Amino acid sequence: MSRPALEFAVCDLCDEHKNDTDGAFRVLPPVFHSYGGVAKFAGPVSTVKCFEDNSLVKLALDEPGQGRVLVVDGGGSLRRALVGGNIGAAAAKNGWAGVLVNGCVRDAAELAASAVGIRALALMPLPTEKRNEGQRDVAVQVQGVWVRVGDWLYADEDGVVVMPSPAG
């Protein structure tokens, strides 16, 4: 399934909002690497907050994404992968625009073949334990930046920004 070309550039959004002082426009730190088959993605945010348990991540990405971006606050853990090849394929199949993981992913080759944007801190081959723990659609803090359900996330080769409404 091909996606329409997205008409935004994160650098242009930053130029447009560089003098904003109200905190509504947020730039995530440059610590996220691209692992998905789509480098540029954007959409309204849904969230999962979890720690070394991807049960809720899988549940979320098995649902219709409707062009949304799932922001996963994994607490920055580098000990377990919260998204792997099967979950990445499900995200693409179910119409998610992207997944941003404040934590790790695995199955790099499979993720690269998935038609979905995936950003994460690093690769880690060790999977999670399934404990059905975590929270869904709550405000999360990702690398010190607040991300809320309904915010819009924009990601391209230059970085990731979040804002309260769609650009344009």
N, C-alpha and C. Protein backbone atom coordinates (compact mmCIF):
# COMPACT_ATOMS: atom_id res chain seq x y z
N MET A 1 0.85 -1.18 0.00
CA MET A 1 0.00 0.00 0.00
C MET A 1 0.89 1.24 0.00
N SER A 2 0.80 2.06 -1.00
CA SER A 2 1.60 3.28 -1.04
C SER A 2 0.84 4.41 -0.36
N ARG A 3 1.60 5.25 0.29
CA ARG A 3 1.02 6.40 0.97
C ARG A 3 1.25 7.65 0.12
N PRO A 4 0.35 8.62 0.21
CA PRO A 4 0.56 9.86 -0.55
C PRO A 4 1.79 10.59 -0.04
N ALA A 5 2.44 11.33 -0.92
CA ALA A 5 3.60 12.13 -0.52
C ALA A 5 3.16 13.16 0.52
N LEU A 6 3.95 13.28 1.55
CA LEU A 6 3.64 14.24 2.61
C LEU A 6 4.28 15.58 2.29
N GLU A 7 3.51 16.63 2.46
CA GLU A 7 3.96 17.98 2.09
C GLU A 7 4.40 18.76 3.33
N PHE A 8 5.45 18.31 3.97
CA PHE A 8 6.02 19.06 5.09
C PHE A 8 7.51 18.76 5.17
N ALA A 9 8.22 19.64 5.82
CA ALA A 9 9.62 19.42 6.17
C ALA A 9 9.77 19.88 7.61
N VAL A 10 10.35 19.04 8.44
CA VAL A 10 10.53 19.39 9.84
C VAL A 10 11.33 20.69 9.98
N CYS A 11 12.35 20.87 9.13
CA CYS A 11 13.13 22.12 9.20
C CYS A 11 12.26 23.34 8.92
N ASP A 12 11.35 23.22 7.94
CA ASP A 12 10.44 24.34 7.65
C ASP A 12 9.52 24.62 8.83
N LEU A 13 9.02 23.55 9.47
CA LEU A 13 8.17 23.74 10.65
C LEU A 13 8.96 24.44 11.76
N CYS A 14 10.22 24.05 11.94
CA CYS A 14 11.05 24.70 12.95
C CYS A 14 11.31 26.17 12.60
N ASP A 15 11.54 26.46 11.32
CA ASP A 15 11.72 27.86 10.91
C ASP A 15 10.47 28.67 11.23
N GLU A 16 9.32 28.08 10.94
CA GLU A 16 8.05 28.77 11.15
C GLU A 16 7.77 29.03 12.63
N HIS A 17 8.23 28.14 13.49
CA HIS A 17 7.89 28.23 14.92
C HIS A 17 9.09 28.57 15.81
N LYS A 18 10.21 28.98 15.23
CA LYS A 18 11.43 29.18 16.02
C LYS A 18 11.30 30.24 17.12
N ASN A 19 10.38 31.17 16.95
CA ASN A 19 10.22 32.22 17.95
C ASN A 19 9.02 31.99 18.87
N ASP A 20 8.37 30.85 18.73
CA ASP A 20 7.25 30.53 19.63
C ASP A 20 7.78 30.39 21.06
N THR A 21 7.07 30.97 21.99
CA THR A 21 7.51 30.91 23.39
C THR A 21 6.48 30.27 24.31
N ASP A 22 5.37 29.80 23.74
CA ASP A 22 4.31 29.27 24.60
C ASP A 22 4.46 27.77 24.89
N GLY A 23 5.45 27.10 24.31
CA GLY A 23 5.68 25.69 24.57
C GLY A 23 4.80 24.74 23.79
N ALA A 24 3.95 25.26 22.92
CA ALA A 24 3.06 24.39 22.15
C ALA A 24 3.81 23.62 21.07
N PHE A 25 4.83 24.23 20.48
CA PHE A 25 5.65 23.58 19.46
C PHE A 25 6.87 22.98 20.16
N ARG A 26 7.03 21.68 20.03
CA ARG A 26 8.09 20.98 20.75
C ARG A 26 8.97 20.19 19.78
N VAL A 27 10.27 20.25 19.99
CA VAL A 27 11.23 19.51 19.18
C VAL A 27 11.83 18.42 20.06
N LEU A 28 11.74 17.17 19.59
CA LEU A 28 12.32 16.08 20.35
C LEU A 28 13.84 16.05 20.15
N PRO A 29 14.58 15.64 21.18
CA PRO A 29 16.04 15.58 21.05
C PRO A 29 16.44 14.63 19.91
N PRO A 30 17.62 14.86 19.32
CA PRO A 30 18.07 14.06 18.18
C PRO A 30 18.66 12.71 18.59
N VAL A 31 17.85 11.90 19.25
CA VAL A 31 18.33 10.59 19.74
C VAL A 31 17.61 9.42 19.08
N PHE A 32 16.65 9.71 18.21
CA PHE A 32 15.85 8.65 17.60
C PHE A 32 16.40 8.27 16.23
N HIS A 33 16.52 6.97 16.01
CA HIS A 33 16.98 6.42 14.73
C HIS A 33 15.79 5.88 13.96
N SER A 34 15.89 5.93 12.63
CA SER A 34 14.81 5.44 11.78
C SER A 34 15.02 3.97 11.45
N TYR A 35 14.00 3.15 11.72
CA TYR A 35 14.09 1.71 11.46
C TYR A 35 13.00 1.21 10.52
N GLY A 36 11.97 1.99 10.28
CA GLY A 36 10.86 1.55 9.44
C GLY A 36 11.14 1.76 7.97
N GLY A 37 10.25 1.24 7.15
CA GLY A 37 10.38 1.38 5.71
C GLY A 37 9.95 2.74 5.18
N VAL A 38 9.43 3.60 6.04
CA VAL A 38 9.00 4.94 5.67
C VAL A 38 9.78 5.94 6.52
N ALA A 39 10.52 6.84 5.87
CA ALA A 39 11.36 7.78 6.60
C ALA A 39 10.60 9.03 7.06
N LYS A 40 9.54 9.38 6.34
CA LYS A 40 8.81 10.61 6.62
C LYS A 40 7.37 10.27 6.93
N PHE A 41 6.91 10.66 8.11
CA PHE A 41 5.53 10.36 8.49
C PHE A 41 5.00 11.43 9.43
N ALA A 42 3.68 11.50 9.51
CA ALA A 42 3.02 12.48 10.37
C ALA A 42 1.62 11.99 10.67
N GLY A 43 1.07 12.45 11.78
CA GLY A 43 -0.30 12.13 12.12
C GLY A 43 -0.62 12.49 13.54
N PRO A 44 -1.90 12.37 13.89
CA PRO A 44 -2.31 12.62 15.27
C PRO A 44 -1.80 11.51 16.18
N VAL A 45 -1.49 11.88 17.41
CA VAL A 45 -0.84 11.00 18.37
C VAL A 45 -1.83 10.19 19.19
N SER A 46 -1.48 8.93 19.36
CA SER A 46 -2.06 8.04 20.38
C SER A 46 -0.86 7.59 21.20
N THR A 47 -1.05 7.22 22.47
CA THR A 47 0.11 6.88 23.30
C THR A 47 -0.06 5.57 24.04
N VAL A 48 1.09 4.99 24.37
CA VAL A 48 1.18 3.87 25.31
C VAL A 48 2.34 4.19 26.24
N LYS A 49 2.11 4.02 27.52
CA LYS A 49 3.17 4.16 28.52
C LYS A 49 3.38 2.78 29.12
N CYS A 50 4.60 2.26 29.00
CA CYS A 50 4.88 0.91 29.50
C CYS A 50 6.36 0.81 29.83
N PHE A 51 6.74 -0.26 30.52
CA PHE A 51 8.14 -0.47 30.83
C PHE A 51 8.48 -1.93 30.66
N GLU A 52 9.24 -2.22 29.62
CA GLU A 52 9.73 -3.56 29.32
C GLU A 52 8.62 -4.59 29.20
N ASP A 53 7.44 -4.14 28.77
CA ASP A 53 6.27 -4.99 28.52
C ASP A 53 5.51 -4.36 27.35
N ASN A 54 5.48 -5.06 26.22
CA ASN A 54 4.85 -4.46 25.03
C ASN A 54 3.42 -4.94 24.80
N SER A 55 2.77 -5.49 25.80
CA SER A 55 1.40 -5.99 25.64
C SER A 55 0.46 -4.93 25.07
N LEU A 56 0.49 -3.71 25.63
CA LEU A 56 -0.41 -2.66 25.18
C LEU A 56 0.02 -2.08 23.83
N VAL A 57 1.31 -2.15 23.52
CA VAL A 57 1.79 -1.71 22.21
C VAL A 57 1.19 -2.60 21.13
N LYS A 58 1.25 -3.91 21.35
CA LYS A 58 0.69 -4.86 20.39
C LYS A 58 -0.82 -4.65 20.23
N LEU A 59 -1.53 -4.50 21.36
CA LEU A 59 -2.98 -4.25 21.29
C LEU A 59 -3.29 -3.00 20.47
N ALA A 60 -2.55 -1.93 20.72
CA ALA A 60 -2.80 -0.67 20.01
C ALA A 60 -2.57 -0.83 18.51
N LEU A 61 -1.46 -1.43 18.13
CA LEU A 61 -1.10 -1.52 16.71
C LEU A 61 -1.89 -2.58 15.96
N ASP A 62 -2.60 -3.43 16.69
CA ASP A 62 -3.52 -4.38 16.06
C ASP A 62 -4.85 -3.72 15.71
N GLU A 63 -5.09 -2.50 16.22
CA GLU A 63 -6.31 -1.75 15.93
C GLU A 63 -6.12 -0.92 14.66
N PRO A 64 -7.21 -0.48 14.03
CA PRO A 64 -7.07 0.43 12.88
C PRO A 64 -6.35 1.71 13.30
N GLY A 65 -5.28 2.04 12.59
CA GLY A 65 -4.49 3.22 12.93
C GLY A 65 -5.06 4.51 12.40
N GLN A 66 -5.75 4.44 11.27
CA GLN A 66 -6.39 5.63 10.67
C GLN A 66 -5.41 6.79 10.53
N GLY A 67 -4.15 6.47 10.15
CA GLY A 67 -3.16 7.50 9.93
C GLY A 67 -2.54 8.10 11.18
N ARG A 68 -2.78 7.47 12.32
CA ARG A 68 -2.22 8.00 13.57
C ARG A 68 -0.76 7.57 13.75
N VAL A 69 -0.11 8.21 14.73
CA VAL A 69 1.24 7.86 15.14
C VAL A 69 1.16 7.39 16.59
N LEU A 70 1.67 6.19 16.85
CA LEU A 70 1.71 5.69 18.23
C LEU A 70 3.03 6.11 18.86
N VAL A 71 2.94 6.87 19.94
CA VAL A 71 4.11 7.26 20.71
C VAL A 71 4.17 6.35 21.93
N VAL A 72 5.24 5.57 22.00
CA VAL A 72 5.42 4.59 23.07
C VAL A 72 6.47 5.11 24.03
N ASP A 73 6.05 5.42 25.25
CA ASP A 73 6.99 5.82 26.29
C ASP A 73 7.42 4.57 27.03
N GLY A 74 8.55 4.03 26.62
CA GLY A 74 9.10 2.85 27.27
C GLY A 74 10.11 3.20 28.34
N GLY A 75 10.05 4.44 28.81
CA GLY A 75 10.95 4.86 29.88
C GLY A 75 12.40 4.96 29.46
N GLY A 76 12.66 4.89 28.15
CA GLY A 76 14.03 4.97 27.67
C GLY A 76 14.84 3.70 27.92
N SER A 77 14.17 2.61 28.28
CA SER A 77 14.88 1.37 28.58
C SER A 77 15.61 0.84 27.35
N LEU A 78 16.84 0.42 27.55
CA LEU A 78 17.64 -0.20 26.50
C LEU A 78 17.78 -1.70 26.74
N ARG A 79 16.96 -2.27 27.62
CA ARG A 79 17.10 -3.68 28.00
C ARG A 79 16.16 -4.63 27.28
N ARG A 80 15.05 -4.13 26.70
CA ARG A 80 14.06 -4.97 26.02
C ARG A 80 13.51 -4.23 24.80
N ALA A 81 13.16 -4.97 23.76
CA ALA A 81 12.59 -4.36 22.55
C ALA A 81 11.07 -4.32 22.67
N LEU A 82 10.49 -3.15 22.43
CA LEU A 82 9.04 -2.98 22.54
C LEU A 82 8.31 -3.18 21.21
N VAL A 83 9.03 -3.12 20.10
CA VAL A 83 8.45 -3.34 18.78
C VAL A 83 9.40 -4.23 17.99
N GLY A 84 8.83 -5.26 17.35
CA GLY A 84 9.61 -6.14 16.49
C GLY A 84 8.95 -6.25 15.13
N GLY A 85 9.43 -7.19 14.35
CA GLY A 85 8.96 -7.34 12.98
C GLY A 85 7.47 -7.60 12.85
N ASN A 86 6.93 -8.49 13.67
CA ASN A 86 5.50 -8.80 13.59
C ASN A 86 4.64 -7.60 13.94
N ILE A 87 5.02 -6.89 14.99
CA ILE A 87 4.25 -5.71 15.40
C ILE A 87 4.39 -4.60 14.36
N GLY A 88 5.58 -4.44 13.79
CA GLY A 88 5.78 -3.44 12.74
C GLY A 88 4.92 -3.74 11.51
N ALA A 89 4.85 -5.03 11.15
CA ALA A 89 4.01 -5.43 10.01
C ALA A 89 2.54 -5.16 10.30
N ALA A 90 2.12 -5.41 11.55
CA ALA A 90 0.73 -5.15 11.94
C ALA A 90 0.43 -3.65 11.86
N ALA A 91 1.37 -2.83 12.29
CA ALA A 91 1.17 -1.37 12.23
C ALA A 91 0.97 -0.92 10.79
N ALA A 92 1.77 -1.45 9.89
CA ALA A 92 1.64 -1.09 8.47
C ALA A 92 0.31 -1.58 7.91
N LYS A 93 -0.03 -2.83 8.19
CA LYS A 93 -1.27 -3.44 7.67
C LYS A 93 -2.50 -2.70 8.18
N ASN A 94 -2.44 -2.21 9.41
CA ASN A 94 -3.60 -1.58 10.04
C ASN A 94 -3.67 -0.07 9.85
N GLY A 95 -2.79 0.48 9.01
CA GLY A 95 -2.92 1.89 8.64
C GLY A 95 -2.34 2.90 9.61
N TRP A 96 -1.37 2.50 10.42
CA TRP A 96 -0.68 3.47 11.28
C TRP A 96 0.34 4.21 10.43
N ALA A 97 0.47 5.51 10.63
CA ALA A 97 1.47 6.29 9.89
C ALA A 97 2.86 6.03 10.44
N GLY A 98 2.94 5.86 11.76
CA GLY A 98 4.25 5.67 12.36
C GLY A 98 4.17 5.27 13.81
N VAL A 99 5.36 4.89 14.32
CA VAL A 99 5.52 4.52 15.72
C VAL A 99 6.82 5.15 16.18
N LEU A 100 6.76 5.88 17.29
CA LEU A 100 7.96 6.43 17.90
C LEU A 100 8.11 5.77 19.25
N VAL A 101 9.25 5.13 19.48
CA VAL A 101 9.48 4.35 20.70
C VAL A 101 10.60 4.99 21.51
N ASN A 102 10.26 5.43 22.71
CA ASN A 102 11.26 5.89 23.67
C ASN A 102 11.79 4.65 24.36
N GLY A 103 12.54 3.87 23.59
CA GLY A 103 13.05 2.58 23.99
C GLY A 103 13.60 1.89 22.76
N CYS A 104 13.61 0.57 22.78
CA CYS A 104 14.25 -0.20 21.71
C CYS A 104 13.26 -0.96 20.83
N VAL A 105 13.77 -1.33 19.65
CA VAL A 105 13.05 -2.19 18.71
C VAL A 105 13.99 -3.33 18.32
N ARG A 106 13.46 -4.32 17.61
CA ARG A 106 14.26 -5.45 17.13
C ARG A 106 13.79 -5.88 15.75
N ASP A 107 14.46 -6.84 15.18
CA ASP A 107 14.12 -7.34 13.83
C ASP A 107 14.31 -6.23 12.80
N ALA A 108 15.50 -5.65 12.75
CA ALA A 108 15.78 -4.49 11.90
C ALA A 108 15.41 -4.71 10.44
N ALA A 109 15.74 -5.86 9.88
CA ALA A 109 15.45 -6.11 8.46
C ALA A 109 13.94 -6.15 8.21
N GLU A 110 13.19 -6.78 9.12
CA GLU A 110 11.74 -6.86 8.97
C GLU A 110 11.10 -5.48 9.12
N LEU A 111 11.58 -4.68 10.07
CA LEU A 111 11.04 -3.33 10.25
C LEU A 111 11.31 -2.48 9.01
N ALA A 112 12.49 -2.60 8.43
CA ALA A 112 12.85 -1.82 7.24
C ALA A 112 11.96 -2.19 6.06
N ALA A 113 11.41 -3.40 6.07
CA ALA A 113 10.54 -3.84 4.97
C ALA A 113 9.07 -3.47 5.21
N SER A 114 8.77 -2.93 6.37
CA SER A 114 7.39 -2.56 6.70
C SER A 114 7.07 -1.15 6.20
N ALA A 115 5.91 -0.98 5.61
CA ALA A 115 5.48 0.32 5.08
C ALA A 115 4.92 1.20 6.19
N VAL A 116 5.77 1.51 7.15
CA VAL A 116 5.38 2.36 8.28
C VAL A 116 6.64 3.04 8.80
N GLY A 117 6.49 4.25 9.32
CA GLY A 117 7.62 4.93 9.94
C GLY A 117 7.85 4.39 11.34
N ILE A 118 9.10 4.10 11.68
CA ILE A 118 9.43 3.61 13.02
C ILE A 118 10.69 4.30 13.48
N ARG A 119 10.59 4.98 14.61
CA ARG A 119 11.75 5.63 15.25
C ARG A 119 11.92 5.04 16.64
N ALA A 120 13.16 4.83 17.03
CA ALA A 120 13.46 4.30 18.36
C ALA A 120 14.86 4.72 18.76
N LEU A 121 15.20 4.48 20.01
CA LEU A 121 16.51 4.84 20.51
C LEU A 121 17.60 3.91 20.00
N ALA A 122 17.29 2.60 19.92
CA ALA A 122 18.32 1.63 19.55
C ALA A 122 17.69 0.29 19.22
N LEU A 123 18.55 -0.61 18.77
CA LEU A 123 18.15 -2.01 18.55
C LEU A 123 18.52 -2.84 19.76
N MET A 124 17.65 -3.79 20.11
CA MET A 124 17.91 -4.73 21.21
C MET A 124 17.21 -6.03 20.83
N PRO A 125 17.93 -7.14 20.68
CA PRO A 125 17.29 -8.38 20.24
C PRO A 125 16.41 -9.05 21.30
N LEU A 126 16.55 -8.68 22.55
CA LEU A 126 15.79 -9.34 23.62
C LEU A 126 14.35 -8.84 23.67
N PRO A 127 13.36 -9.76 23.59
CA PRO A 127 11.96 -9.33 23.64
C PRO A 127 11.52 -9.02 25.08
N THR A 128 10.29 -8.51 25.18
CA THR A 128 9.75 -8.18 26.50
C THR A 128 9.07 -9.39 27.12
N GLU A 129 8.78 -9.27 28.40
CA GLU A 129 7.89 -10.20 29.08
C GLU A 129 6.49 -9.63 28.94
N LYS A 130 5.50 -10.50 28.76
CA LYS A 130 4.11 -10.04 28.63
C LYS A 130 3.44 -10.09 30.00
N ARG A 131 3.20 -8.91 30.58
CA ARG A 131 2.56 -8.82 31.90
C ARG A 131 1.24 -8.04 31.83
N ASN A 132 0.89 -7.56 30.63
CA ASN A 132 -0.32 -6.74 30.45
C ASN A 132 -0.32 -5.51 31.36
N GLU A 133 0.86 -4.90 31.49
CA GLU A 133 0.99 -3.71 32.31
C GLU A 133 1.19 -2.49 31.42
N GLY A 134 0.79 -1.35 31.91
CA GLY A 134 1.00 -0.09 31.21
C GLY A 134 -0.28 0.73 31.17
N GLN A 135 -0.21 1.84 30.47
CA GLN A 135 -1.34 2.75 30.34
C GLN A 135 -1.50 3.15 28.89
N ARG A 136 -2.72 3.40 28.50
CA ARG A 136 -3.03 3.74 27.12
C ARG A 136 -3.63 5.14 27.04
N ASP A 137 -3.23 5.90 26.06
CA ASP A 137 -3.75 7.24 25.77
C ASP A 137 -3.71 8.17 26.98
N VAL A 138 -2.50 8.28 27.55
CA VAL A 138 -2.22 9.24 28.62
C VAL A 138 -1.09 10.15 28.13
N ALA A 139 -0.96 11.31 28.73
CA ALA A 139 0.17 12.19 28.40
C ALA A 139 1.45 11.49 28.82
N VAL A 140 2.46 11.56 27.95
CA VAL A 140 3.74 10.92 28.24
C VAL A 140 4.86 11.94 28.09
N GLN A 141 5.95 11.67 28.77
CA GLN A 141 7.13 12.51 28.62
C GLN A 141 8.20 11.69 27.92
N VAL A 142 8.59 12.15 26.73
CA VAL A 142 9.55 11.43 25.90
C VAL A 142 10.83 12.26 25.83
N GLN A 143 11.88 11.74 26.44
CA GLN A 143 13.16 12.46 26.45
C GLN A 143 12.98 13.90 26.94
N GLY A 144 12.15 14.07 27.98
CA GLY A 144 11.93 15.38 28.58
C GLY A 144 10.90 16.25 27.89
N VAL A 145 10.26 15.74 26.83
CA VAL A 145 9.28 16.52 26.07
C VAL A 145 7.90 15.90 26.25
N TRP A 146 6.94 16.72 26.65
CA TRP A 146 5.57 16.22 26.82
C TRP A 146 4.92 15.98 25.47
N VAL A 147 4.27 14.82 25.35
CA VAL A 147 3.49 14.47 24.16
C VAL A 147 2.12 14.02 24.66
N ARG A 148 1.07 14.61 24.07
CA ARG A 148 -0.29 14.33 24.52
C ARG A 148 -1.12 13.71 23.40
N VAL A 149 -2.09 12.93 23.79
CA VAL A 149 -3.02 12.34 22.84
C VAL A 149 -3.68 13.46 22.04
N GLY A 150 -3.71 13.31 20.72
CA GLY A 150 -4.30 14.33 19.86
C GLY A 150 -3.30 15.34 19.32
N ASP A 151 -2.10 15.45 19.94
CA ASP A 151 -1.05 16.27 19.35
C ASP A 151 -0.75 15.73 17.95
N TRP A 152 -0.08 16.51 17.15
CA TRP A 152 0.38 16.05 15.83
C TRP A 152 1.88 15.88 15.87
N LEU A 153 2.35 14.73 15.42
CA LEU A 153 3.77 14.44 15.36
C LEU A 153 4.20 14.44 13.90
N TYR A 154 5.32 15.10 13.63
CA TYR A 154 5.91 15.15 12.29
C TYR A 154 7.33 14.63 12.39
N ALA A 155 7.69 13.68 11.54
CA ALA A 155 9.04 13.11 11.53
C ALA A 155 9.54 13.03 10.10
N ASP A 156 10.77 13.44 9.91
CA ASP A 156 11.43 13.22 8.62
C ASP A 156 12.92 12.99 8.89
N GLU A 157 13.73 13.04 7.85
CA GLU A 157 15.16 12.75 7.99
C GLU A 157 15.88 13.72 8.92
N ASP A 158 15.31 14.90 9.15
CA ASP A 158 15.96 15.90 9.98
C ASP A 158 15.57 15.86 11.46
N GLY A 159 14.48 15.18 11.81
CA GLY A 159 14.11 15.12 13.20
C GLY A 159 12.63 14.94 13.41
N VAL A 160 12.20 15.18 14.66
CA VAL A 160 10.83 14.95 15.08
C VAL A 160 10.33 16.15 15.86
N VAL A 161 9.15 16.63 15.48
CA VAL A 161 8.51 17.73 16.21
C VAL A 161 7.07 17.34 16.55
N VAL A 162 6.56 18.00 17.59
CA VAL A 162 5.18 17.76 18.04
C VAL A 162 4.52 19.12 18.23
N MET A 163 3.25 19.19 17.80
CA MET A 163 2.49 20.42 17.96
C MET A 163 1.02 20.08 18.25
N PRO A 164 0.26 21.00 18.81
CA PRO A 164 -1.10 20.67 19.24
C PRO A 164 -2.12 20.48 18.11
N SER A 165 -1.81 20.98 16.91
CA SER A 165 -2.76 20.85 15.80
C SER A 165 -1.97 20.64 14.51
N PRO A 166 -2.65 20.20 13.46
CA PRO A 166 -1.93 19.95 12.21
C PRO A 166 -1.30 21.23 11.64
N ALA A 167 -0.15 21.07 11.01
CA ALA A 167 0.54 22.19 10.36
C ALA A 167 -0.28 22.65 9.16
N GLY A 168 -0.11 23.90 8.82
CA GLY A 168 -0.76 24.38 7.62
C GLY A 168 -1.72 25.43 7.91
